[in-house]
Protein backbone atom coordinates (compact mmCIF):
# COMPACT_ATOMS: atom_id res chain seq x y z
CA MET A 1 218.00 36.44 26.46
CA SER A 2 218.35 39.72 28.17
CA LEU A 3 216.16 42.79 27.42
CA SER A 4 219.14 44.87 25.98
CA VAL A 5 219.94 42.08 23.45
CA LEU A 6 216.48 41.44 22.47
CA LEU A 7 215.84 45.02 21.86
CA LEU A 8 219.09 45.27 19.62
CA ILE A 9 217.96 42.09 17.77
CA LEU A 10 214.60 43.91 17.13
CA ALA A 11 216.14 47.03 15.85
CA VAL A 12 218.21 44.87 13.28
CA ILE A 13 215.02 43.05 12.26
CA PHE A 14 213.45 46.57 11.84
CA VAL A 15 216.08 47.75 9.36
CA GLY A 16 215.88 44.26 7.69
CA ALA A 17 212.19 44.35 7.25
CA PHE A 18 212.35 47.90 5.93
CA LEU A 19 214.86 46.91 3.33
CA ILE A 20 212.76 43.82 2.34
CA GLY A 21 209.62 46.06 1.96
CA LEU A 22 211.51 48.71 0.06
CA ASN A 23 212.87 46.19 -2.44
CA LYS A 24 209.36 44.56 -2.80
CA ALA A 25 207.84 47.83 -3.68
CA ARG A 26 210.44 48.65 -6.19
CA THR A 27 209.95 45.16 -7.81
CA LEU A 28 206.15 45.89 -8.07
CA ALA A 29 207.01 49.45 -9.62
CA ARG A 30 209.27 48.07 -12.17
CA GLY A 31 208.28 49.28 -15.50
CA ALA A 32 205.17 51.27 -13.97
CA PRO A 33 206.77 53.82 -11.20
CA ARG A 34 203.27 55.54 -11.20
CA SER A 35 201.36 52.44 -10.39
CA LEU A 36 202.35 52.68 -6.66
CA HIS A 37 200.03 54.68 -4.43
CA SER A 38 202.93 55.74 -2.06
CA ARG A 39 206.62 56.04 -2.55
CA ALA A 40 208.61 52.92 -2.02
CA GLY A 41 210.21 53.89 1.38
CA PHE A 42 206.57 54.13 2.90
CA TYR A 43 206.19 50.33 1.93
CA GLY A 44 209.36 49.45 3.67
CA GLY A 45 208.26 51.48 6.78
CA TYR A 46 205.04 49.65 6.76
CA LEU A 47 206.36 46.26 6.69
CA ALA A 48 209.01 47.22 9.48
CA LEU A 49 206.38 48.75 11.66
CA TRP A 50 204.06 45.55 11.53
CA THR A 51 207.18 43.26 11.90
CA VAL A 52 208.58 45.03 15.06
CA LEU A 53 206.08 47.12 16.83
CA PRO A 54 203.73 44.56 18.11
CA SER A 55 206.50 42.58 19.46
CA LEU A 56 208.22 45.78 20.94
CA ILE A 57 204.99 46.81 22.74
CA VAL A 58 204.61 43.26 24.43
CA VAL A 59 208.21 43.13 25.15
CA VAL A 60 208.15 46.67 27.05
CA ILE A 61 205.00 45.84 28.94
CA TRP A 62 206.47 42.35 29.73
CA ALA A 63 209.68 43.77 31.07
CA ALA A 64 207.69 46.12 33.20
CA ALA A 65 205.36 43.62 34.69
CA SER A 66 207.41 40.49 34.85
CA PRO A 67 209.53 41.89 37.80
CA LEU A 68 206.46 42.73 39.97
CA ILE A 69 204.95 39.25 39.13
CA VAL A 70 208.03 37.26 40.04
CA ASP A 71 208.44 39.08 43.16
CA ARG A 72 204.90 38.42 44.15
CA MET A 73 205.43 34.64 43.47
CA VAL A 74 208.75 34.66 45.47
CA ARG A 75 207.06 36.49 48.42
CA ASP A 76 203.89 33.99 48.45
CA ALA A 77 206.72 31.02 48.62
CA LEU A 78 208.23 32.35 51.89
CA PRO A 79 207.58 30.80 55.15
CA GLN A 80 204.32 31.81 56.93
CA ASP A 81 206.32 33.22 59.75
CA VAL A 82 208.17 35.48 57.61
CA GLN A 83 205.26 36.56 55.73
CA ALA A 84 203.63 37.45 59.08
CA LEU A 85 206.59 40.25 59.67
CA SER A 86 206.12 43.73 59.00
CA PRO A 87 206.49 45.27 55.36
CA GLY A 88 209.92 46.66 56.11
CA GLU A 89 211.15 43.44 57.43
CA VAL A 90 209.80 41.54 54.50
CA ALA A 91 211.25 43.93 52.13
CA LEU A 92 214.54 43.47 54.00
CA VAL A 93 214.23 39.62 53.48
CA MET A 94 213.51 40.10 49.94
CA GLY A 95 216.54 42.25 49.51
CA THR A 96 218.78 39.53 50.97
CA ILE A 97 217.37 37.12 48.63
CA GLY A 98 218.07 39.12 45.48
CA SER A 99 221.52 39.77 46.71
CA ILE A 100 221.99 35.76 46.90
CA ALA A 101 220.45 35.52 43.58
CA GLN A 102 222.99 37.77 42.10
CA GLY A 103 225.70 35.39 43.43
CA LEU A 104 224.53 32.13 42.66
CA PRO A 105 225.11 31.88 38.89
CA THR A 106 228.98 32.55 39.44
CA MET A 107 228.93 29.90 42.25
CA THR A 108 230.22 26.10 41.67
CA ARG A 109 228.07 23.24 42.75
CA THR A 110 230.50 22.71 45.60
CA ASP A 111 229.83 26.14 46.93
CA THR A 112 226.16 25.73 46.87
CA ASP A 113 226.34 22.44 48.65
CA GLU A 114 228.45 24.11 51.27
CA ILE A 115 226.14 26.96 51.82
CA ARG A 116 223.26 24.25 52.20
CA ALA A 117 225.20 22.45 54.76
CA ARG A 118 226.64 25.19 56.57
CA PRO A 119 224.48 28.42 56.05
CA GLU A 120 226.79 30.49 58.31
CA SER A 121 229.54 30.20 55.49
CA ALA A 122 227.21 31.65 52.99
CA ARG A 123 228.54 35.44 53.70
CA GLU A 124 232.16 34.33 53.00
CA ILE A 125 231.42 32.36 50.00
CA LEU A 126 229.14 34.82 48.41
CA GLY A 127 231.72 37.59 49.06
CA LYS A 128 233.99 35.83 46.79
CA SER A 129 231.36 36.63 43.89
CA GLY A 130 231.18 40.26 44.98
CA VAL A 131 227.87 39.89 46.97
CA VAL A 132 227.94 41.52 50.35
CA LEU A 133 225.27 40.44 52.93
CA ALA A 134 224.65 42.42 56.10
CA ALA A 135 223.80 39.15 58.16
CA ASP A 136 224.03 35.41 57.73
CA PRO A 137 221.17 34.08 55.53
CA LYS A 138 218.54 31.59 56.73
CA PRO A 139 218.45 28.29 54.95
CA PHE A 140 214.97 29.16 53.15
CA MET A 141 216.73 32.12 51.41
CA LEU A 142 218.77 29.96 49.17
CA ASP A 143 215.91 28.00 47.87
CA ARG A 144 214.07 31.35 47.29
CA ALA A 145 217.08 32.89 45.65
CA GLN A 146 217.22 29.64 43.21
CA GLN A 147 213.27 30.23 42.57
CA LEU A 148 213.72 33.76 41.80
CA ILE A 149 216.63 32.85 39.32
CA ASP A 150 214.47 30.14 37.68
CA LEU A 151 211.41 32.49 37.47
CA ASN A 152 213.24 35.24 35.79
CA ARG A 153 215.03 32.79 33.43
CA LEU A 154 211.72 31.30 32.45
CA SER A 155 210.16 34.83 32.03
CA ARG A 156 212.99 35.79 29.55
CA LEU A 157 212.51 32.71 27.71
CA LEU A 158 208.77 33.14 27.40
CA MET A 159 209.27 36.77 26.43
CA THR A 160 211.75 36.01 23.84
CA GLY A 161 209.59 33.14 22.24
CA VAL A 162 206.34 35.55 22.30
CA ALA A 163 208.61 38.14 20.60
CA VAL A 164 209.66 35.81 17.92
CA LEU A 165 206.30 34.59 17.18
CA LEU A 166 204.85 38.12 16.90
CA VAL A 167 207.66 39.11 14.62
CA LEU A 168 207.15 36.35 12.24
CA ALA A 169 203.35 36.71 12.09
CA GLY A 170 203.64 40.38 11.64
CA PHE A 171 206.25 40.10 8.88
CA ALA A 172 204.07 37.64 7.15
CA TYR A 173 200.83 39.54 7.33
CA ALA A 174 202.33 42.87 6.27
CA LEU A 175 204.32 41.32 3.36
CA ARG A 176 201.18 39.71 1.93
CA ARG A 177 199.34 42.94 2.23
CA ILE A 178 202.02 44.98 0.16
CA THR A 179 200.24 45.76 -3.14
CA PRO A 180 200.61 48.83 -5.45
CA GLN A 181 197.11 50.00 -4.59
CA MET A 182 197.78 49.73 -0.71
CA ARG A 183 197.89 53.22 0.95
CA ALA A 184 201.21 52.74 2.72
CA ARG A 185 201.92 56.45 3.38
CA ASN A 186 198.60 57.02 5.12
CA ILE A 187 199.34 53.97 7.53
CA VAL A 188 202.73 54.98 8.20
CA GLU A 189 201.82 58.47 8.98
CA ARG A 190 199.06 57.60 11.31
CA VAL A 191 201.42 55.32 13.29
CA THR A 192 204.03 58.25 13.21
CA MET A 193 201.28 60.63 14.64
CA ALA A 194 200.22 58.01 17.23
CA GLY A 195 203.84 57.69 18.26
CA LEU A 196 204.34 61.64 18.60
CA ILE A 197 200.98 61.85 20.55
CA ALA A 198 202.27 59.13 22.91
CA ALA A 199 205.56 60.73 23.33
CA SER A 200 203.96 64.08 24.25
CA THR A 201 201.53 62.17 26.45
CA VAL A 202 204.23 60.57 28.48
CA ALA A 203 205.92 63.80 29.03
CA ILE A 204 202.69 65.57 30.15
CA LEU A 205 201.87 62.53 32.59
CA THR A 206 205.52 62.57 33.94
CA THR A 207 204.99 66.24 34.76
CA ALA A 208 201.67 65.63 36.36
CA GLY A 209 203.00 62.72 38.43
CA ILE A 210 205.95 64.87 39.66
CA VAL A 211 203.66 67.67 40.59
CA PHE A 212 200.98 65.41 42.41
CA SER A 213 203.61 63.51 44.18
CA VAL A 214 205.26 66.44 45.55
CA LEU A 215 201.69 68.01 46.26
CA PHE A 216 200.55 65.03 48.30
CA GLU A 217 203.61 64.71 50.45
CA SER A 218 203.38 68.58 50.93
CA LEU A 219 199.84 68.20 52.10
CA GLN A 220 200.80 65.42 54.63
CA PHE A 221 203.64 67.77 56.01
CA PHE A 222 201.02 70.60 56.23
CA HIS A 223 198.86 68.38 58.59
CA SER A 224 201.65 68.59 61.07
CA VAL A 225 202.97 72.24 60.39
CA SER A 226 200.65 75.41 60.08
CA LEU A 227 200.65 76.76 56.23
CA TRP A 228 200.97 80.05 57.56
CA ASP A 229 203.89 79.41 60.23
CA PHE A 230 205.57 77.77 57.08
CA LEU A 231 204.99 80.68 54.60
CA PHE A 232 205.62 83.59 56.93
CA GLY A 233 208.12 82.08 59.50
CA THR A 234 211.23 83.83 59.75
CA VAL A 235 213.21 80.95 61.71
CA TRP A 236 214.58 77.88 60.04
CA ASP A 237 215.22 75.32 62.65
CA PRO A 238 213.73 71.88 61.82
CA ARG A 239 215.32 69.96 64.31
CA PHE A 240 213.13 68.47 67.02
CA SER A 241 213.43 71.03 70.07
CA ALA A 242 213.99 70.34 73.75
CA PRO A 243 210.98 71.01 76.04
CA GLY A 244 210.61 74.69 76.83
CA ARG A 245 212.59 75.52 73.65
CA ALA A 246 211.05 78.21 71.21
CA GLY A 247 209.32 76.30 68.58
CA GLY A 248 207.73 73.60 70.35
CA GLY A 249 208.54 69.92 70.04
CA GLU A 250 208.68 69.87 66.25
CA GLY A 251 211.22 72.65 65.45
CA GLN A 252 210.38 75.68 63.26
CA PHE A 253 210.06 75.62 59.57
CA GLY A 254 209.97 79.20 58.43
CA LEU A 255 210.30 79.58 54.66
CA VAL A 256 211.39 83.20 54.41
CA PRO A 257 214.88 82.96 55.03
CA LEU A 258 215.54 80.23 52.39
CA LEU A 259 213.34 81.86 49.85
CA TRP A 260 215.08 85.19 50.58
CA GLY A 261 218.47 83.42 50.12
CA THR A 262 217.21 81.84 46.85
CA ILE A 263 216.25 85.40 45.46
CA PHE A 264 219.18 87.06 46.83
CA ILE A 265 221.85 84.93 45.34
CA SER A 266 220.09 84.55 41.99
CA ALA A 267 219.68 88.28 41.77
CA ILE A 268 223.57 88.69 42.18
CA ALA A 269 224.19 86.06 39.75
CA LEU A 270 221.97 87.76 37.22
CA ILE A 271 223.35 91.05 37.90
CA VAL A 272 226.79 89.72 36.95
CA ALA A 273 225.55 87.51 34.01
CA VAL A 274 223.05 89.52 32.23
CA PRO A 275 225.31 92.64 31.45
CA LEU A 276 228.26 90.43 30.52
CA GLY A 277 226.51 87.83 28.63
CA LEU A 278 224.44 90.59 26.57
CA PHE A 279 227.49 92.77 25.88
CA SER A 280 229.33 89.63 24.78
CA ALA A 281 226.42 88.67 22.53
CA ILE A 282 226.10 92.16 21.08
CA TYR A 283 229.97 92.11 20.31
CA MET A 284 230.12 88.81 18.62
CA SER A 285 226.83 89.47 16.56
CA GLU A 286 227.38 92.94 15.48
CA TYR A 287 231.03 93.84 15.93
CA ALA A 288 233.26 90.85 15.86
CA ALA A 289 235.09 89.66 12.67
CA PRO A 290 234.16 86.10 11.57
CA ARG A 291 237.54 84.89 12.69
CA VAL A 292 237.29 86.31 16.20
CA ARG A 293 233.63 85.09 16.64
CA ALA A 294 234.65 81.67 15.48
CA ILE A 295 237.23 81.53 18.51
CA ALA A 296 235.56 83.60 21.10
CA LYS A 297 232.11 81.92 20.88
CA PRO A 298 233.17 78.49 21.65
CA LEU A 299 235.74 79.56 24.25
CA LEU A 300 232.67 81.35 26.25
CA GLU A 301 230.40 78.29 25.80
CA ILE A 302 233.10 76.03 27.43
CA LEU A 303 232.05 77.76 30.66
CA ALA A 304 228.73 75.79 30.45
CA GLY A 305 230.51 72.58 30.39
CA ILE A 306 232.51 72.94 33.67
CA PRO A 307 230.78 70.74 36.33
CA THR A 308 229.07 72.87 39.14
CA ILE A 309 231.20 71.10 41.86
CA VAL A 310 234.24 72.71 39.96
CA TYR A 311 232.68 76.07 40.28
CA GLY A 312 231.87 75.41 44.08
CA PHE A 313 235.33 74.45 44.70
CA PHE A 314 236.72 77.67 42.86
CA ALA A 315 234.36 79.77 44.95
CA LEU A 316 235.30 78.12 48.14
CA ILE A 317 239.27 78.05 47.48
CA THR A 318 239.80 81.27 45.68
CA VAL A 319 236.67 83.59 45.51
CA GLY A 320 235.82 83.44 48.91
CA PRO A 321 239.30 83.92 50.58
CA PHE A 322 239.91 86.77 47.94
CA LEU A 323 236.66 88.67 48.88
CA ARG A 324 237.63 88.13 52.71
CA ASP A 325 241.26 89.47 52.12
CA ILE A 326 239.85 92.47 50.05
CA GLY A 327 237.43 93.15 52.65
CA ALA A 328 239.96 93.23 55.35
CA HIS A 329 242.01 95.85 53.43
CA LEU A 330 238.91 97.87 53.15
CA GLY A 331 237.67 97.51 56.65
CA LEU A 332 234.68 95.29 55.73
CA ASP A 333 233.90 92.03 57.40
CA ILE A 334 233.27 89.64 54.46
CA ALA A 335 232.75 86.08 55.27
CA ALA A 336 234.62 83.32 53.34
CA THR A 337 231.26 81.70 52.65
CA SER A 338 228.95 84.74 51.38
CA ALA A 339 226.13 85.25 49.30
CA LEU A 340 228.35 87.66 47.16
CA GLY A 341 230.78 84.95 46.43
CA ALA A 342 228.21 82.46 45.65
CA GLY A 343 226.48 84.98 43.42
CA LEU A 344 229.48 86.06 41.59
CA VAL A 345 230.68 82.38 40.66
CA MET A 346 226.98 81.47 39.87
CA GLY A 347 226.94 84.58 37.63
CA ILE A 348 230.03 83.33 35.77
CA MET A 349 228.43 79.97 35.46
CA ILE A 350 225.25 81.17 33.56
CA ILE A 351 226.94 83.66 31.37
CA PRO A 352 226.80 81.16 28.25
CA PHE A 353 223.29 80.88 28.83
CA VAL A 354 222.76 84.60 28.28
CA SER A 355 225.37 85.17 25.68
CA SER A 356 225.04 82.29 23.53
CA LEU A 357 221.25 82.34 23.09
CA SER A 358 221.31 86.21 22.79
CA ASP A 359 223.82 86.07 20.21
CA ASP A 360 221.60 83.46 18.11
CA ILE A 361 218.64 85.68 18.59
CA ILE A 362 220.31 89.01 17.66
CA SER A 363 221.84 87.42 14.74
CA ALA A 364 218.33 86.04 13.83
CA VAL A 365 216.91 89.59 13.36
CA PRO A 366 216.49 90.35 9.67
CA GLN A 367 219.10 92.28 8.15
CA SER A 368 216.40 94.60 6.38
CA LEU A 369 215.77 96.13 9.70
CA ARG A 370 219.37 97.13 9.98
CA GLU A 371 219.49 98.35 6.60
CA GLY A 372 216.37 100.40 6.91
CA SER A 373 217.75 102.29 9.95
CA TYR A 374 221.05 102.78 8.25
CA GLY A 375 219.16 104.48 5.26
CA LEU A 376 217.62 106.79 7.58
CA GLY A 377 221.01 107.82 8.67
CA ALA A 378 221.20 105.91 12.24
CA THR A 379 224.80 105.10 13.25
CA LYS A 380 225.69 101.41 14.04
CA SER A 381 225.25 102.04 17.78
CA GLU A 382 221.93 103.63 17.54
CA THR A 383 220.68 100.76 15.22
CA ILE A 384 221.61 98.30 17.67
CA LYS A 385 220.01 100.17 20.52
CA ARG A 386 216.85 101.20 19.04
CA VAL A 387 216.27 98.63 16.33
CA VAL A 388 218.03 95.41 16.85
CA LEU A 389 217.68 94.98 20.59
CA PRO A 390 213.95 95.83 20.83
CA ALA A 391 213.21 93.36 17.91
CA ALA A 392 215.28 90.79 19.66
CA LEU A 393 213.91 91.53 23.12
CA PRO A 394 211.53 88.47 23.41
CA GLY A 395 214.35 85.97 22.81
CA ILE A 396 216.59 87.95 25.27
CA VAL A 397 213.84 87.75 27.78
CA GLY A 398 213.83 83.89 27.40
CA ALA A 399 217.58 83.81 27.52
CA VAL A 400 217.71 85.65 30.83
CA LEU A 401 214.77 83.33 32.20
CA LEU A 402 216.61 80.37 31.24
CA ALA A 403 219.66 81.83 33.11
CA GLY A 404 217.77 82.57 36.15
CA SER A 405 216.07 79.17 36.27
CA ARG A 406 219.41 77.68 36.29
CA ALA A 407 220.42 80.00 39.01
CA VAL A 408 217.35 79.29 41.10
CA GLY A 409 218.01 75.60 40.93
CA GLU A 410 221.68 75.34 41.70
CA THR A 411 223.01 73.61 44.62
CA MET A 412 226.67 72.65 44.75
CA ILE A 413 227.94 76.26 44.44
CA VAL A 414 225.67 77.54 47.19
CA VAL A 415 226.66 74.56 49.46
CA LEU A 416 230.33 75.28 49.12
CA ALA A 417 230.41 79.17 48.58
CA ALA A 418 227.28 80.46 50.66
CA GLY A 419 227.12 77.95 53.42
CA ILE A 420 223.99 76.17 54.76
CA ALA A 421 223.09 78.81 57.47
CA ALA A 422 219.56 79.94 56.94
CA ASN A 423 220.15 83.60 57.62
CA LEU A 424 217.45 86.46 56.79
CA THR A 425 219.98 89.33 56.04
CA PHE A 426 220.31 91.91 53.41
CA ASN A 427 224.09 92.02 53.84
CA PRO A 428 225.61 90.26 50.80
CA PHE A 429 228.84 89.66 52.92
CA GLU A 430 227.27 87.23 55.07
CA SER A 431 226.28 83.69 54.60
CA VAL A 432 222.92 82.62 53.44
CA THR A 433 221.40 79.37 51.92
CA THR A 434 218.76 78.52 49.32
CA ILE A 435 215.87 76.07 49.13
CA THR A 436 217.60 73.54 47.10
CA VAL A 437 220.44 73.27 49.61
CA LYS A 438 217.68 72.59 52.23
CA ILE A 439 216.04 70.00 50.01
CA VAL A 440 218.94 68.00 49.92
CA SER A 441 219.98 68.34 53.59
CA GLN A 442 216.39 67.26 54.73
CA LEU A 443 216.37 64.28 52.63
CA THR A 444 219.92 63.07 53.93
CA GLY A 445 220.22 61.26 57.17
CA ASP A 446 218.38 58.70 59.09
CA LEU A 447 215.21 60.47 59.88
CA GLN A 448 211.89 58.63 59.30
CA PHE A 449 210.30 59.56 55.95
CA ASN A 450 207.03 60.49 57.72
CA THR A 451 208.43 62.87 60.04
CA PRO A 452 208.02 66.74 59.38
CA GLN A 453 211.93 67.29 59.11
CA THR A 454 211.88 65.03 55.84
CA LEU A 455 208.36 66.12 54.50
CA VAL A 456 209.37 69.59 54.48
CA ALA A 457 211.72 68.98 51.60
CA PHE A 458 208.50 68.21 49.42
CA ALA A 459 206.89 71.55 50.68
CA LEU A 460 209.94 73.46 49.82
CA GLY A 461 210.06 71.73 46.38
CA LEU A 462 206.50 72.79 45.75
CA THR A 463 207.32 76.40 46.67
CA LEU A 464 210.13 76.32 44.32
CA PHE A 465 207.87 74.94 41.60
CA LEU A 466 205.38 77.72 42.08
CA VAL A 467 207.93 80.52 41.98
CA THR A 468 209.50 79.12 38.85
CA LEU A 469 205.91 78.85 37.32
CA VAL A 470 204.95 82.55 38.27
CA LEU A 471 208.35 83.65 36.63
CA ASN A 472 207.73 81.68 33.38
CA VAL A 473 204.10 83.14 33.01
CA TYR A 474 205.53 86.59 33.70
CA ALA A 475 208.12 86.18 31.03
CA LEU A 476 205.76 84.59 28.55
CA HIS A 477 203.57 87.77 29.00
CA ILE A 478 206.55 90.00 28.15
CA VAL A 479 207.41 87.65 25.26
CA ARG A 480 204.11 88.08 23.72
CA LYS A 481 203.82 91.61 24.28
CA TYR A 482 206.86 92.57 22.37
CA ARG A 483 206.56 89.87 19.71
CA GLU A 484 203.12 91.33 18.71
CA LEU A 485 204.74 95.01 18.56
CA TYR A 486 207.75 94.03 16.30
CA GLU A 487 206.26 91.14 14.23
């Protein structure tokens, strides 16, 4: 039985156990509703948890550990000369065995016998099953592929059997313990609290894992490249350089052009998005009629649902040539791929992040503040400027921060609208690039993973993380400052 089917069955059993526990609690309380310690629903939840939770934990652990154990067993069964190969070559052999195992279940006995008799025909026969092999498999690979299939089948069978036994045992144990005096609510709430703590722990550990993985690879990069040259270098040329060329034999990894390009394009985007988004939010929350608001707000939020690659095409095909033609008429040299074009399109993209959130925040300002301002003789515009906006400022700062983070992390628009040239320029009419673009480009290609040209992507990612962290801390300081003032 596959994992997905087993999980679906456990979900159905959970609902069934809940209904059985609920019915038993109601039966126990018949004629004396106050005899139950907890509501009937807690007894149903108690029975459902004991029935499914132990089985679910075992299934999840089994599903995570089984592929590793099966892979180890298949590796140990490989011929000695294959096991003596390098780890990369052994991994390639295991990949071929896995591909063969995908095609074997769909093959007839005749096809299997044909492959055993003539291994050179395996690629053609497996190709009929949709399995593509890079080279002719060796005879032992078919046996190991069959072993892999058998072990996986045995693992799924054992997992299903253990799950069934745990379901039956848990159901019998919990059903017998359901009595009117049992504190079902306390038990269910403790399990729920443990689940919430586990969920938050997973999120924290995932974040820590991402940070440490990026940090360790970055430290490996800084063993090859000086931290000073990386942080303060003004030339980005990560390719291996020829002898005698500036930058030595390992290229130049100056961060400054990439960091400046990221800040430059994000600043242009915020200059476009913040006024338009904030003014749109003020109009929709304070001036627009309900019918206009009901139409305008969804139309504005549609911008957030457009894929970024579409924005990139729009910038490349429409905005870039338009700016170039306008510049030619005005005597300005504007490149078709420029920071200005990328910033304008990116600003349009993040308008909904500012307008929608700011609209909700402004609408949440207590009406009593507006009425008090009107009572003192202030006009509507004065009330908005001096009362509503200051009271909503913490939330508006959060909306702008979210929009800025979205702009900093954007890649596709920059690739198509601003290019990939790492130029250190203050001219918005020229091409620049960002950190995210170079992270993608450095991890794409045939370079070895342990080279500075690849590891620099992790150093760039760590830098981007630290920059975003500083912005978040500063924004949090502003939010707390004004929240204390207006609460």
